[in-house]
C-alpha atoms as a PDB file:
ATOM      1  CA  MET A   1    -107.093 -97.306  34.574  1.00  0.00           C
ATOM      2  CA  SER A   2    -106.808-100.282  32.290  1.00  0.00           C
ATOM      3  CA  VAL A   3    -107.414-100.479  28.561  1.00  0.00           C
ATOM      4  CA  VAL A   4    -110.312-102.903  29.085  1.00  0.00           C
ATOM      5  CA  TRP A   5    -112.061-100.524  31.504  1.00  0.00           C
ATOM      6  CA  GLY A   6    -111.579 -97.626  29.078  1.00  0.00           C
ATOM      7  CA  HIS A   7    -113.103 -99.561  26.182  1.00  0.00           C
ATOM      8  CA  ASN A   8    -116.035-100.749  28.277  1.00  0.00           C
ATOM      9  CA  PHE A   9    -116.725 -97.208  29.446  1.00  0.00           C
ATOM     10  CA  GLN A  10    -116.517 -95.915  25.886  1.00  0.00           C
ATOM     11  CA  PHE A  11    -118.891 -98.526  24.500  1.00  0.00           C
ATOM     12  CA  GLN A  12    -121.476 -98.189  27.272  1.00  0.00           C
ATOM     13  CA  TYR A  13    -121.678 -94.391  27.424  1.00  0.00           C
ATOM     14  CA  LYS A  14    -122.042 -91.903  24.608  1.00  0.00           C
ATOM     15  CA  PRO A  15    -119.140 -89.468  24.436  1.00  0.00           C
ATOM     16  CA  VAL A  16    -119.988 -85.920  25.494  1.00  0.00           C
ATOM     17  CA  ASP A  17    -118.790 -82.876  23.562  1.00  0.00           C
ATOM     18  CA  ASN A  18    -119.314 -80.352  26.344  1.00  0.00           C
ATOM     19  CA  ALA A  19    -120.648 -80.164  29.896  1.00  0.00           C
ATOM     20  CA  THR A  20    -123.998 -78.682  28.831  1.00  0.00           C
ATOM     21  CA  GLN A  21    -125.003 -82.074  27.434  1.00  0.00           C
ATOM     22  CA  LEU A  22    -124.802 -83.669  30.865  1.00  0.00           C
ATOM     23  CA  ALA A  23    -127.988 -83.896  32.863  1.00  0.00           C
ATOM     24  CA  TYR A  24    -127.462 -84.233  36.588  1.00  0.00           C
ATOM     25  CA  PRO A  25    -130.439 -85.564  38.533  1.00  0.00           C
ATOM     26  CA  VAL A  26    -131.626 -83.566  41.482  1.00  0.00           C
ATOM     27  CA  LEU A  27    -131.038 -85.723  44.505  1.00  0.00           C
ATOM     28  CA  SER A  28    -133.329 -85.201  47.420  1.00  0.00           C
ATOM     29  CA  LYS A  29    -132.349 -86.035  50.959  1.00  0.00           C
ATOM     30  CA  PRO A  30    -133.741 -89.449  51.870  1.00  0.00           C
ATOM     31  CA  LYS A  31    -136.322 -89.298  54.623  1.00  0.00           C
ATOM     32  CA  LEU A  32    -135.329 -92.370  56.533  1.00  0.00           C
ATOM     33  CA  ASN A  33    -136.012 -92.247  60.239  1.00  0.00           C
ATOM     34  CA  ARG A  34    -136.817 -94.802  62.911  1.00  0.00           C
ATOM     35  CA  GLN A  35    -140.545 -94.593  62.334  1.00  0.00           C
ATOM     36  CA  THR A  36    -140.071 -95.375  58.648  1.00  0.00           C
ATOM     37  CA  VAL A  37    -137.809 -98.326  59.460  1.00  0.00           C
ATOM     38  CA  TYR A  38    -140.312 -99.681  61.979  1.00  0.00           C
ATOM     39  CA  GLU A  39    -143.163 -99.315  59.472  1.00  0.00           C
ATOM     40  CA  LEU A  40    -141.146-101.154  56.816  1.00  0.00           C
ATOM     41  CA  MET A  41    -140.373-103.950  59.272  1.00  0.00           C
ATOM     42  CA  GLU A  42    -144.062-104.143  60.182  1.00  0.00           C
ATOM     43  CA  GLN A  43    -145.101-104.336  56.529  1.00  0.00           C
ATOM     44  CA  MET A  44    -142.567-107.081  55.792  1.00  0.00           C
ATOM     45  CA  LEU A  45    -143.833-109.142  58.705  1.00  0.00           C
ATOM     46  CA  ASN A  46    -147.435-108.604  57.598  1.00  0.00           C
ATOM     47  CA  VAL A  47    -146.550-110.018  54.160  1.00  0.00           C
ATOM     48  CA  TYR A  48    -145.525-113.272  55.846  1.00  0.00           C
ATOM     49  CA  GLY A  49    -148.833-113.479  57.681  1.00  0.00           C
ATOM     50  CA  LEU A  50    -147.548-112.328  61.054  1.00  0.00           C
ATOM     51  CA  ASP A  51    -148.901-109.534  63.207  1.00  0.00           C
ATOM     52  CA  GLY A  52    -146.249-106.995  62.271  1.00  0.00           C
ATOM     53  CA  GLN A  53    -147.122-104.322  64.800  1.00  0.00           C
ATOM     54  CA  SER A  54    -147.011-106.622  67.815  1.00  0.00           C
ATOM     55  CA  CYS A  55    -143.795-108.275  66.573  1.00  0.00           C
ATOM     56  CA  VAL A  56    -142.043-104.925  66.151  1.00  0.00           C
ATOM     57  CA  LEU A  57    -143.235-103.681  69.534  1.00  0.00           C
ATOM     58  CA  ARG A  58    -142.122-106.900  71.232  1.00  0.00           C
ATOM     59  CA  THR A  59    -138.733-106.705  69.507  1.00  0.00           C
ATOM     60  CA  LEU A  60    -138.279-103.120  70.676  1.00  0.00           C
ATOM     61  CA  CYS A  61    -139.095-104.069  74.264  1.00  0.00           C
ATOM     62  CA  GLU A  62    -136.842-107.130  74.251  1.00  0.00           C
ATOM     63  CA  SER A  63    -133.937-105.295  72.638  1.00  0.00           C
ATOM     64  CA  SER A  64    -134.035-102.613  75.328  1.00  0.00           C
ATOM     65  CA  ARG A  65    -133.476-105.260  78.021  1.00  0.00           C
ATOM     66  CA  VAL A  66    -130.500-107.002  76.393  1.00  0.00           C
ATOM     67  CA  ASP A  67    -127.267-105.357  75.269  1.00  0.00           C
ATOM     68  CA  ILE A  68    -126.423-106.935  71.915  1.00  0.00           C
ATOM     69  CA  SER A  69    -124.094-104.176  70.714  1.00  0.00           C
ATOM     70  CA  GLN A  70    -121.011-105.900  72.173  1.00  0.00           C
ATOM     71  CA  ASP A  71    -121.488-109.131  70.210  1.00  0.00           C
ATOM     72  CA  SER A  72    -120.684-108.090  66.641  1.00  0.00           C
ATOM     73  CA  ILE A  73    -121.071-105.382  64.046  1.00  0.00           C
ATOM     74  CA  PHE A  74    -124.508-106.808  63.251  1.00  0.00           C
ATOM     75  CA  GLY A  75    -125.439-106.582  66.923  1.00  0.00           C
ATOM     76  CA  HIS A  76    -124.256-102.991  67.037  1.00  0.00           C
ATOM     77  CA  LEU A  77    -126.326-102.185  63.942  1.00  0.00           C
ATOM     78  CA  LEU A  78    -129.440-103.809  65.396  1.00  0.00           C
ATOM     79  CA  SER A  79    -128.906-102.037  68.697  1.00  0.00           C
ATOM     80  CA  THR A  80    -128.664 -98.708  66.880  1.00  0.00           C
ATOM     81  CA  ILE A  81    -131.861 -99.322  64.918  1.00  0.00           C
ATOM     82  CA  LEU A  82    -133.923-100.774  67.740  1.00  0.00           C
ATOM     83  CA  THR A  83    -132.994 -98.451  70.603  1.00  0.00           C
END
């Protein structure tokens, strides 16, 4: 830890006297599944004036015919999301 980091941390955050002053947020488990991802993709395409539902369905069909997971990490990610 450097002196600069220590000073920045001290100036940005109020020092705490004891642990009871800390408030930890309750983190809920994110509900991200394929249906949610597909709906988000559809909404983004609709914003650009495209027919989002047909584009997503066509992309799903086309991605099932072609193996793109061997091309790159991005291809593997897309293959995981779309199949």
